[in-house]
Amino acid sequence: MNAAMPAAYLDFMAVKGAYEGAVRGEPGYVAMWAADECEALHVEFEVSQWLPGLRAFGGDGGGELLLFDAAGAVWRVPMADLRTASLRRVADSFSELAARFVG
């Protein structure tokens, strides 16, 4: 089963829409997908097959996916290496990540 989208993420998307731009600290840059594109892109990248329990919501603009786990933590993983061993934690929550958006 895939992680649900965290409430803070859904609230952000409802008010501001997708964010694309710099982030202080990791991952350095975020390109969030539009809410209506998330499911199709999650399937296209075969996230459920390779990283069950995670939900993709965008990328870093440099070949890595951004994902949520069931607890709402944010992770990144190379698109060419969707293995659990390649996951790197970016933030404990979407709110923590969004607080580092520049601009």
PDB file of N, CA and C in Angstrom:
ATOM      1  N   MET A   1       0.833  -1.179   0.000  1.00  0.00           N
ATOM      2  CA  MET A   1       0.000   0.000   0.000  1.00  0.00           C
ATOM      3  C   MET A   1       0.882   1.248   0.000  1.00  0.00           C
ATOM      4  N   ASN A   2       0.467   2.242  -0.728  1.00  0.00           N
ATOM      5  CA  ASN A   2       1.242   3.477  -0.830  1.00  0.00           C
ATOM      6  C   ASN A   2       0.863   4.455   0.267  1.00  0.00           C
ATOM      7  N   ALA A   3       1.808   5.287   0.628  1.00  0.00           N
ATOM      8  CA  ALA A   3       1.563   6.326   1.620  1.00  0.00           C
ATOM      9  C   ALA A   3       0.549   7.326   1.078  1.00  0.00           C
ATOM     10  N   ALA A   4      -0.263   7.841   1.975  1.00  0.00           N
ATOM     11  CA  ALA A   4      -1.204   8.895   1.603  1.00  0.00           C
ATOM     12  C   ALA A   4      -0.453  10.220   1.548  1.00  0.00           C
ATOM     13  N   MET A   5      -1.004  11.147   0.823  1.00  0.00           N
ATOM     14  CA  MET A   5      -0.418  12.477   0.781  1.00  0.00           C
ATOM     15  C   MET A   5      -0.700  13.172   2.119  1.00  0.00           C
ATOM     16  N   PRO A   6       0.318  13.721   2.774  1.00  0.00           N
ATOM     17  CA  PRO A   6       0.123  14.390   4.070  1.00  0.00           C
ATOM     18  C   PRO A   6      -0.803  15.600   3.958  1.00  0.00           C
ATOM     19  N   ALA A   7      -1.545  15.857   5.030  1.00  0.00           N
ATOM     20  CA  ALA A   7      -2.485  16.980   5.058  1.00  0.00           C
ATOM     21  C   ALA A   7      -1.787  18.309   4.784  1.00  0.00           C
ATOM     22  N   ALA A   8      -0.590  18.516   5.333  1.00  0.00           N
ATOM     23  CA  ALA A   8       0.132  19.780   5.112  1.00  0.00           C
ATOM     24  C   ALA A   8       0.446  19.975   3.636  1.00  0.00           C
ATOM     25  N   TYR A   9       0.779  18.896   2.945  1.00  0.00           N
ATOM     26  CA  TYR A   9       1.045  18.963   1.504  1.00  0.00           C
ATOM     27  C   TYR A   9      -0.238  19.321   0.757  1.00  0.00           C
ATOM     28  N   LEU A  10      -1.333  18.648   1.080  1.00  0.00           N
ATOM     29  CA  LEU A  10      -2.605  18.910   0.399  1.00  0.00           C
ATOM     30  C   LEU A  10      -3.069  20.344   0.642  1.00  0.00           C
ATOM     31  N   ASP A  11      -2.901  20.838   1.864  1.00  0.00           N
ATOM     32  CA  ASP A  11      -3.265  22.227   2.174  1.00  0.00           C
ATOM     33  C   ASP A  11      -2.413  23.207   1.370  1.00  0.00           C
ATOM     34  N   PHE A  12      -1.118  22.957   1.300  1.00  0.00           N
ATOM     35  CA  PHE A  12      -0.204  23.806   0.538  1.00  0.00           C
ATOM     36  C   PHE A  12      -0.629  23.845  -0.927  1.00  0.00           C
ATOM     37  N   MET A  13      -0.911  22.674  -1.489  1.00  0.00           N
ATOM     38  CA  MET A  13      -1.295  22.594  -2.900  1.00  0.00           C
ATOM     39  C   MET A  13      -2.607  23.328  -3.156  1.00  0.00           C
ATOM     40  N   ALA A  14      -3.547  23.238  -2.224  1.00  0.00           N
ATOM     41  CA  ALA A  14      -4.842  23.899  -2.392  1.00  0.00           C
ATOM     42  C   ALA A  14      -4.707  25.415  -2.386  1.00  0.00           C
ATOM     43  N   VAL A  15      -3.779  25.930  -1.599  1.00  0.00           N
ATOM     44  CA  VAL A  15      -3.613  27.378  -1.467  1.00  0.00           C
ATOM     45  C   VAL A  15      -2.626  27.943  -2.484  1.00  0.00           C
ATOM     46  N   LYS A  16      -1.475  27.304  -2.616  1.00  0.00           N
ATOM     47  CA  LYS A  16      -0.399  27.865  -3.430  1.00  0.00           C
ATOM     48  C   LYS A  16      -0.143  27.125  -4.732  1.00  0.00           C
ATOM     49  N   GLY A  17      -0.578  25.906  -4.825  1.00  0.00           N
ATOM     50  CA  GLY A  17      -0.268  25.109  -6.008  1.00  0.00           C
ATOM     51  C   GLY A  17       1.149  24.572  -5.928  1.00  0.00           C
ATOM     52  N   ALA A  18       1.551  23.912  -6.960  1.00  0.00           N
ATOM     53  CA  ALA A  18       2.871  23.276  -6.989  1.00  0.00           C
ATOM     54  C   ALA A  18       3.978  24.317  -6.867  1.00  0.00           C
ATOM     55  N   TYR A  19       5.024  23.944  -6.158  1.00  0.00           N
ATOM     56  CA  TYR A  19       6.188  24.811  -5.985  1.00  0.00           C
ATOM     57  C   TYR A  19       7.326  24.285  -6.836  1.00  0.00           C
ATOM     58  N   GLU A  20       8.015  25.184  -7.495  1.00  0.00           N
ATOM     59  CA  GLU A  20       9.254  24.831  -8.178  1.00  0.00           C
ATOM     60  C   GLU A  20      10.263  25.916  -7.864  1.00  0.00           C
ATOM     61  N   GLY A  21      11.367  25.517  -7.278  1.00  0.00           N
ATOM     62  CA  GLY A  21      12.389  26.486  -6.958  1.00  0.00           C
ATOM     63  C   GLY A  21      13.382  25.966  -5.945  1.00  0.00           C
ATOM     64  N   ALA A  22      14.198  26.877  -5.475  1.00  0.00           N
ATOM     65  CA  ALA A  22      15.289  26.535  -4.563  1.00  0.00           C
ATOM     66  C   ALA A  22      14.770  26.194  -3.170  1.00  0.00           C
ATOM     67  N   VAL A  23      15.553  25.362  -2.499  1.00  0.00           N
ATOM     68  CA  VAL A  23      15.289  24.944  -1.125  1.00  0.00           C
ATOM     69  C   VAL A  23      16.599  25.069  -0.356  1.00  0.00           C
ATOM     70  N   ARG A  24      16.545  25.687   0.822  1.00  0.00           N
ATOM     71  CA  ARG A  24      17.741  25.721   1.669  1.00  0.00           C
ATOM     72  C   ARG A  24      18.019  24.308   2.168  1.00  0.00           C
ATOM     73  N   GLY A  25      19.240  23.844   2.026  1.00  0.00           N
ATOM     74  CA  GLY A  25      19.578  22.482   2.425  1.00  0.00           C
ATOM     75  C   GLY A  25      19.112  21.477   1.389  1.00  0.00           C
ATOM     76  N   GLU A  26      19.074  20.226   1.793  1.00  0.00           N
ATOM     77  CA  GLU A  26      18.663  19.170   0.866  1.00  0.00           C
ATOM     78  C   GLU A  26      17.195  19.275   0.553  1.00  0.00           C
ATOM     79  N   PRO A  27      16.781  19.078  -0.664  1.00  0.00           N
ATOM     80  CA  PRO A  27      17.543  18.628  -1.817  1.00  0.00           C
ATOM     81  C   PRO A  27      18.138  19.745  -2.660  1.00  0.00           C
ATOM     82  N   GLY A  28      18.004  20.994  -2.251  1.00  0.00           N
ATOM     83  CA  GLY A  28      18.569  22.115  -2.997  1.00  0.00           C
ATOM     84  C   GLY A  28      17.606  22.726  -3.993  1.00  0.00           C
ATOM     85  N   TYR A  29      16.744  21.891  -4.582  1.00  0.00           N
ATOM     86  CA  TYR A  29      15.770  22.349  -5.568  1.00  0.00           C
ATOM     87  C   TYR A  29      14.596  21.379  -5.531  1.00  0.00           C
ATOM     88  N   VAL A  30      13.393  21.903  -5.707  1.00  0.00           N
ATOM     89  CA  VAL A  30      12.185  21.078  -5.706  1.00  0.00           C
ATOM     90  C   VAL A  30      11.339  21.436  -6.914  1.00  0.00           C
ATOM     91  N   ALA A  31      10.853  20.422  -7.590  1.00  0.00           N
ATOM     92  CA  ALA A  31       9.887  20.595  -8.680  1.00  0.00           C
ATOM     93  C   ALA A  31       8.703  19.688  -8.360  1.00  0.00           C
ATOM     94  N   MET A  32       7.719  20.247  -7.629  1.00  0.00           N
ATOM     95  CA  MET A  32       6.543  19.462  -7.246  1.00  0.00           C
ATOM     96  C   MET A  32       5.626  19.308  -8.448  1.00  0.00           C
ATOM     97  N   TRP A  33       5.045  18.128  -8.580  1.00  0.00           N
ATOM     98  CA  TRP A  33       4.092  17.883  -9.654  1.00  0.00           C
ATOM     99  C   TRP A  33       2.743  18.487  -9.289  1.00  0.00           C
ATOM    100  N   ALA A  34       1.967  18.854 -10.302  1.00  0.00           N
ATOM    101  CA  ALA A  34       0.600  19.307 -10.068  1.00  0.00           C
ATOM    102  C   ALA A  34      -0.174  18.158  -9.424  1.00  0.00           C
ATOM    103  N   ALA A  35      -1.094  18.481  -8.523  1.00  0.00           N
ATOM    104  CA  ALA A  35      -1.824  17.457  -7.776  1.00  0.00           C
ATOM    105  C   ALA A  35      -2.507  16.448  -8.691  1.00  0.00           C
ATOM    106  N   ASP A  36      -3.051  16.916  -9.809  1.00  0.00           N
ATOM    107  CA  ASP A  36      -3.758  15.997 -10.706  1.00  0.00           C
ATOM    108  C   ASP A  36      -2.815  15.139 -11.550  1.00  0.00           C
ATOM    109  N   GLU A  37      -1.512  15.370 -11.466  1.00  0.00           N
ATOM    110  CA  GLU A  37      -0.531  14.561 -12.198  1.00  0.00           C
ATOM    111  C   GLU A  37       0.167  13.532 -11.315  1.00  0.00           C
ATOM    112  N   CYS A  38       0.048  13.666 -10.009  1.00  0.00           N
ATOM    113  CA  CYS A  38       0.814  12.818  -9.083  1.00  0.00           C
ATOM    114  C   CYS A  38       0.571  11.331  -9.297  1.00  0.00           C
ATOM    115  N   GLU A  39      -0.676  10.913  -9.381  1.00  0.00           N
ATOM    116  CA  GLU A  39      -0.961   9.483  -9.504  1.00  0.00           C
ATOM    117  C   GLU A  39      -0.382   8.917 -10.796  1.00  0.00           C
ATOM    118  N   ALA A  40      -0.596   9.603 -11.918  1.00  0.00           N
ATOM    119  CA  ALA A  40      -0.093   9.102 -13.203  1.00  0.00           C
ATOM    120  C   ALA A  40       1.432   9.011 -13.208  1.00  0.00           C
ATOM    121  N   LEU A  41       2.109  10.005 -12.662  1.00  0.00           N
ATOM    122  CA  LEU A  41       3.572   9.984 -12.645  1.00  0.00           C
ATOM    123  C   LEU A  41       4.106   8.961 -11.647  1.00  0.00           C
ATOM    124  N   HIS A  42       3.405   8.782 -10.539  1.00  0.00           N
ATOM    125  CA  HIS A  42       3.767   7.751  -9.565  1.00  0.00           C
ATOM    126  C   HIS A  42       3.747   6.376 -10.249  1.00  0.00           C
ATOM    127  N   VAL A  43       2.705   6.129 -11.039  1.00  0.00           N
ATOM    128  CA  VAL A  43       2.577   4.863 -11.773  1.00  0.00           C
ATOM    129  C   VAL A  43       3.631   4.773 -12.868  1.00  0.00           C
ATOM    130  N   GLU A  44       3.824   5.852 -13.618  1.00  0.00           N
ATOM    131  CA  GLU A  44       4.798   5.856 -14.719  1.00  0.00           C
ATOM    132  C   GLU A  44       6.205   5.511 -14.235  1.00  0.00           C
ATOM    133  N   PHE A  45       6.584   6.005 -13.075  1.00  0.00           N
ATOM    134  CA  PHE A  45       7.918   5.725 -12.537  1.00  0.00           C
ATOM    135  C   PHE A  45       7.982   4.404 -11.767  1.00  0.00           C
ATOM    136  N   GLU A  46       6.862   3.673 -11.718  1.00  0.00           N
ATOM    137  CA  GLU A  46       6.792   2.349 -11.087  1.00  0.00           C
ATOM    138  C   GLU A  46       7.223   2.377  -9.615  1.00  0.00           C
ATOM    139  N   VAL A  47       6.863   3.441  -8.929  1.00  0.00           N
ATOM    140  CA  VAL A  47       7.258   3.590  -7.531  1.00  0.00           C
ATOM    141  C   VAL A  47       6.679   2.470  -6.669  1.00  0.00           C
ATOM    142  N   SER A  48       5.424   2.107  -6.881  1.00  0.00           N
ATOM    143  CA  SER A  48       4.797   1.062  -6.067  1.00  0.00           C
ATOM    144  C   SER A  48       5.514  -0.269  -6.203  1.00  0.00           C
ATOM    145  N   GLN A  49       6.015  -0.542  -7.392  1.00  0.00           N
ATOM    146  CA  GLN A  49       6.720  -1.798  -7.638  1.00  0.00           C
ATOM    147  C   GLN A  49       8.055  -1.833  -6.903  1.00  0.00           C
ATOM    148  N   TRP A  50       8.802  -0.740  -6.964  1.00  0.00           N
ATOM    149  CA  TRP A  50      10.159  -0.718  -6.429  1.00  0.00           C
ATOM    150  C   TRP A  50      10.265  -0.217  -4.998  1.00  0.00           C
ATOM    151  N   LEU A  51       9.374   0.680  -4.616  1.00  0.00           N
ATOM    152  CA  LEU A  51       9.420   1.268  -3.269  1.00  0.00           C
ATOM    153  C   LEU A  51       8.024   1.260  -2.646  1.00  0.00           C
ATOM    154  N   PRO A  52       7.495   0.063  -2.370  1.00  0.00           N
ATOM    155  CA  PRO A  52       6.145   0.007  -1.797  1.00  0.00           C
ATOM    156  C   PRO A  52       6.085   0.770  -0.478  1.00  0.00           C
ATOM    157  N   GLY A  53       4.962   1.431  -0.274  1.00  0.00           N
ATOM    158  CA  GLY A  53       4.789   2.205   0.948  1.00  0.00           C
ATOM    159  C   GLY A  53       5.183   3.657   0.813  1.00  0.00           C
ATOM    160  N   LEU A  54       5.750   4.030  -0.333  1.00  0.00           N
ATOM    161  CA  LEU A  54       6.126   5.424  -0.568  1.00  0.00           C
ATOM    162  C   LEU A  54       5.257   6.014  -1.669  1.00  0.00           C
ATOM    163  N   ARG A  55       5.102   7.342  -1.645  1.00  0.00           N
ATOM    164  CA  ARG A  55       4.277   8.049  -2.630  1.00  0.00           C
ATOM    165  C   ARG A  55       5.085   9.192  -3.230  1.00  0.00           C
ATOM    166  N   ALA A  56       5.315   9.149  -4.543  1.00  0.00           N
ATOM    167  CA  ALA A  56       6.064  10.199  -5.235  1.00  0.00           C
ATOM    168  C   ALA A  56       5.196  11.449  -5.409  1.00  0.00           C
ATOM    169  N   PHE A  57       5.842  12.623  -5.289  1.00  0.00           N
ATOM    170  CA  PHE A  57       5.105  13.880  -5.483  1.00  0.00           C
ATOM    171  C   PHE A  57       5.895  14.912  -6.280  1.00  0.00           C
ATOM    172  N   GLY A  58       7.085  14.568  -6.731  1.00  0.00           N
ATOM    173  CA  GLY A  58       7.875  15.511  -7.510  1.00  0.00           C
ATOM    174  C   GLY A  58       9.303  15.044  -7.647  1.00  0.00           C
ATOM    175  N   GLY A  59      10.157  15.985  -8.018  1.00  0.00           N
ATOM    176  CA  GLY A  59      11.567  15.670  -8.193  1.00  0.00           C
ATOM    177  C   GLY A  59      12.430  16.817  -7.722  1.00  0.00           C
ATOM    178  N   ASP A  60      13.727  16.629  -7.903  1.00  0.00           N
ATOM    179  CA  ASP A  60      14.677  17.666  -7.478  1.00  0.00           C
ATOM    180  C   ASP A  60      15.244  18.432  -8.664  1.00  0.00           C
ATOM    181  N   GLY A  61      14.698  18.188  -9.853  1.00  0.00           N
ATOM    182  CA  GLY A  61      15.183  18.858 -11.050  1.00  0.00           C
ATOM    183  C   GLY A  61      16.498  18.307 -11.557  1.00  0.00           C
ATOM    184  N   GLY A  62      16.994  17.247 -10.925  1.00  0.00           N
ATOM    185  CA  GLY A  62      18.290  16.693 -11.306  1.00  0.00           C
ATOM    186  C   GLY A  62      18.317  15.179 -11.332  1.00  0.00           C
ATOM    187  N   GLY A  63      17.189  14.547 -11.640  1.00  0.00           N
ATOM    188  CA  GLY A  63      17.171  13.097 -11.784  1.00  0.00           C
ATOM    189  C   GLY A  63      16.792  12.317 -10.542  1.00  0.00           C
ATOM    190  N   GLU A  64      16.248  12.985  -9.533  1.00  0.00           N
ATOM    191  CA  GLU A  64      15.831  12.271  -8.332  1.00  0.00           C
ATOM    192  C   GLU A  64      14.359  12.549  -8.045  1.00  0.00           C
ATOM    193  N   LEU A  65      13.667  11.521  -7.563  1.00  0.00           N
ATOM    194  CA  LEU A  65      12.273  11.649  -7.157  1.00  0.00           C
ATOM    195  C   LEU A  65      12.194  12.083  -5.702  1.00  0.00           C
ATOM    196  N   LEU A  66      11.142  12.801  -5.373  1.00  0.00           N
ATOM    197  CA  LEU A  66      10.810  13.138  -3.989  1.00  0.00           C
ATOM    198  C   LEU A  66       9.575  12.336  -3.616  1.00  0.00           C
ATOM    199  N   LEU A  67       9.603  11.755  -2.404  1.00  0.00           N
ATOM    200  CA  LEU A  67       8.539  10.858  -1.984  1.00  0.00           C
ATOM    201  C   LEU A  67       8.168  11.077  -0.526  1.00  0.00           C
ATOM    202  N   PHE A  68       6.935  10.687  -0.184  1.00  0.00           N
ATOM    203  CA  PHE A  68       6.482  10.654   1.201  1.00  0.00           C
ATOM    204  C   PHE A  68       6.443   9.216   1.670  1.00  0.00           C
ATOM    205  N   ASP A  69       6.755   8.990   2.957  1.00  0.00           N
ATOM    206  CA  ASP A  69       6.506   7.681   3.547  1.00  0.00           C
ATOM    207  C   ASP A  69       5.203   7.757   4.340  1.00  0.00           C
ATOM    208  N   ALA A  70       4.803   6.658   4.959  1.00  0.00           N
ATOM    209  CA  ALA A  70       3.527   6.601   5.670  1.00  0.00           C
ATOM    210  C   ALA A  70       3.458   7.578   6.840  1.00  0.00           C
ATOM    211  N   ALA A  71       4.603   7.935   7.410  1.00  0.00           N
ATOM    212  CA  ALA A  71       4.637   8.887   8.525  1.00  0.00           C
ATOM    213  C   ALA A  71       4.670  10.336   8.048  1.00  0.00           C
ATOM    214  N   GLY A  72       4.775  10.549   6.725  1.00  0.00           N
ATOM    215  CA  GLY A  72       4.813  11.900   6.173  1.00  0.00           C
ATOM    216  C   GLY A  72       6.203  12.464   5.973  1.00  0.00           C
ATOM    217  N   ALA A  73       7.243  11.689   6.287  1.00  0.00           N
ATOM    218  CA  ALA A  73       8.616  12.147   6.055  1.00  0.00           C
ATOM    219  C   ALA A  73       8.882  12.227   4.554  1.00  0.00           C
ATOM    220  N   VAL A  74       9.797  13.108   4.173  1.00  0.00           N
ATOM    221  CA  VAL A  74      10.147  13.318   2.767  1.00  0.00           C
ATOM    222  C   VAL A  74      11.487  12.641   2.483  1.00  0.00           C
ATOM    223  N   TRP A  75      11.518  11.906   1.381  1.00  0.00           N
ATOM    224  CA  TRP A  75      12.712  11.168   0.955  1.00  0.00           C
ATOM    225  C   TRP A  75      13.041  11.521  -0.482  1.00  0.00           C
ATOM    226  N   ARG A  76      14.284  11.263  -0.884  1.00  0.00           N
ATOM    227  CA  ARG A  76      14.675  11.399  -2.291  1.00  0.00           C
ATOM    228  C   ARG A  76      15.399  10.131  -2.702  1.00  0.00           C
ATOM    229  N   VAL A  77      15.290   9.824  -3.997  1.00  0.00           N
ATOM    230  CA  VAL A  77      15.917   8.615  -4.532  1.00  0.00           C
ATOM    231  C   VAL A  77      16.219   8.852  -6.008  1.00  0.00           C
ATOM    232  N   PRO A  78      17.354   8.373  -6.507  1.00  0.00           N
ATOM    233  CA  PRO A  78      17.640   8.510  -7.935  1.00  0.00           C
ATOM    234  C   PRO A  78      16.594   7.772  -8.774  1.00  0.00           C
ATOM    235  N   MET A  79      16.106   8.407  -9.830  1.00  0.00           N
ATOM    236  CA  MET A  79      15.122   7.774 -10.704  1.00  0.00           C
ATOM    237  C   MET A  79      15.675   6.503 -11.341  1.00  0.00           C
ATOM    238  N   ALA A  80      16.976   6.445 -11.524  1.00  0.00           N
ATOM    239  CA  ALA A  80      17.600   5.284 -12.156  1.00  0.00           C
ATOM    240  C   ALA A  80      17.951   4.190 -11.152  1.00  0.00           C
ATOM    241  N   ASP A  81      17.625   4.387  -9.871  1.00  0.00           N
ATOM    242  CA  ASP A  81      18.009   3.424  -8.839  1.00  0.00           C
ATOM    243  C   ASP A  81      16.959   3.398  -7.732  1.00  0.00           C
ATOM    244  N   LEU A  82      15.760   2.949  -8.073  1.00  0.00           N
ATOM    245  CA  LEU A  82      14.652   2.943  -7.121  1.00  0.00           C
ATOM    246  C   LEU A  82      14.772   1.757  -6.162  1.00  0.00           C
ATOM    247  N   ARG A  83      15.758   1.833  -5.281  1.00  0.00           N
ATOM    248  CA  ARG A  83      15.960   0.805  -4.262  1.00  0.00           C
ATOM    249  C   ARG A  83      15.907   1.456  -2.886  1.00  0.00           C
ATOM    250  N   THR A  84      15.433   0.701  -1.926  1.00  0.00           N
ATOM    251  CA  THR A  84      15.377   1.200  -0.556  1.00  0.00           C
ATOM    252  C   THR A  84      16.747   1.671  -0.086  1.00  0.00           C
ATOM    253  N   ALA A  85      17.790   0.955  -0.484  1.00  0.00           N
ATOM    254  CA  ALA A  85      19.153   1.315  -0.069  1.00  0.00           C
ATOM    255  C   ALA A  85      19.586   2.678  -0.598  1.00  0.00           C
ATOM    256  N   SER A  86      18.935   3.158  -1.654  1.00  0.00           N
ATOM    257  CA  SER A  86      19.311   4.440  -2.261  1.00  0.00           C
ATOM    258  C   SER A  86      18.520   5.623  -1.709  1.00  0.00           C
ATOM    259  N   LEU A  87      17.534   5.363  -0.857  1.00  0.00           N
ATOM    260  CA  LEU A  87      16.732   6.441  -0.276  1.00  0.00           C
ATOM    261  C   LEU A  87      17.562   7.304   0.669  1.00  0.00           C
ATOM    262  N   ARG A  88      17.308   8.618   0.611  1.00  0.00           N
ATOM    263  CA  ARG A  88      17.931   9.563   1.539  1.00  0.00           C
ATOM    264  C   ARG A  88      16.831  10.454   2.120  1.00  0.00           C
ATOM    265  N   ARG A  89      16.791  10.544   3.424  1.00  0.00           N
ATOM    266  CA  ARG A  89      15.777  11.371   4.089  1.00  0.00           C
ATOM    267  C   ARG A  89      16.106  12.846   3.891  1.00  0.00           C
ATOM    268  N   VAL A  90      15.089  13.607   3.502  1.00  0.00           N
ATOM    269  CA  VAL A  90      15.238  15.038   3.236  1.00  0.00           C
ATOM    270  C   VAL A  90      14.655  15.871   4.376  1.00  0.00           C
ATOM    271  N   ALA A  91      13.510  15.444   4.898  1.00  0.00           N
ATOM    272  CA  ALA A  91      12.831  16.197   5.960  1.00  0.00           C
ATOM    273  C   ALA A  91      11.910  15.260   6.728  1.00  0.00           C
ATOM    274  N   ASP A  92      11.639  15.617   7.972  1.00  0.00           N
ATOM    275  CA  ASP A  92      10.732  14.812   8.789  1.00  0.00           C
ATOM    276  C   ASP A  92       9.275  14.982   8.376  1.00  0.00           C
ATOM    277  N   SER A  93       8.974  16.073   7.647  1.00  0.00           N
ATOM    278  CA  SER A  93       7.599  16.339   7.219  1.00  0.00           C
ATOM    279  C   SER A  93       7.614  17.303   6.037  1.00  0.00           C
ATOM    280  N   PHE A  94       6.463  17.393   5.358  1.00  0.00           N
ATOM    281  CA  PHE A  94       6.355  18.367   4.278  1.00  0.00           C
ATOM    282  C   PHE A  94       6.466  19.782   4.832  1.00  0.00           C
ATOM    283  N   SER A  95       5.888  20.031   5.996  1.00  0.00           N
ATOM    284  CA  SER A  95       5.965  21.369   6.601  1.00  0.00           C
ATOM    285  C   SER A  95       7.413  21.784   6.827  1.00  0.00           C
ATOM    286  N   GLU A  96       8.239  20.844   7.282  1.00  0.00           N
ATOM    287  CA  GLU A  96       9.660  21.140   7.497  1.00  0.00           C
ATOM    288  C   GLU A  96      10.343  21.473   6.173  1.00  0.00           C
ATOM    289  N   LEU A  97      10.034  20.716   5.130  1.00  0.00           N
ATOM    290  CA  LEU A  97      10.605  20.996   3.806  1.00  0.00           C
ATOM    291  C   LEU A  97      10.128  22.352   3.295  1.00  0.00           C
ATOM    292  N   ALA A  98       8.825  22.606   3.371  1.00  0.00           N
ATOM    293  CA  ALA A  98       8.254  23.858   2.849  1.00  0.00           C
ATOM    294  C   ALA A  98       8.811  25.081   3.567  1.00  0.00           C
ATOM    295  N   ALA A  99       9.156  24.948   4.835  1.00  0.00           N
ATOM    296  CA  ALA A  99       9.736  26.068   5.587  1.00  0.00           C
ATOM    297  C   ALA A  99      11.095  26.470   5.029  1.00  0.00           C
ATOM    298  N   ARG A 100      11.709  25.600   4.243  1.00  0.00           N
ATOM    299  CA  ARG A 100      13.019  25.889   3.653  1.00  0.00           C
ATOM    300  C   ARG A 100      12.923  26.356   2.197  1.00  0.00           C
ATOM    301  N   PHE A 101      11.694  26.469   1.654  1.00  0.00           N
ATOM    302  CA  PHE A 101      11.541  26.984   0.292  1.00  0.00           C
ATOM    303  C   PHE A 101      12.068  28.414   0.241  1.00  0.00           C
ATOM    304  N   VAL A 102      12.778  28.751  -0.810  1.00  0.00           N
ATOM    305  CA  VAL A 102      13.334  30.090  -0.988  1.00  0.00           C
ATOM    306  C   VAL A 102      12.391  30.882  -1.884  1.00  0.00           C
ATOM    307  N   GLY A 103      11.919  32.012  -1.389  1.00  0.00           N
ATOM    308  CA  GLY A 103      11.067  32.865  -2.205  1.00  0.00           C
ATOM    309  C   GLY A 103       9.615  32.679  -2.049  1.00  0.00           C
TER     310      GLY A 103
END
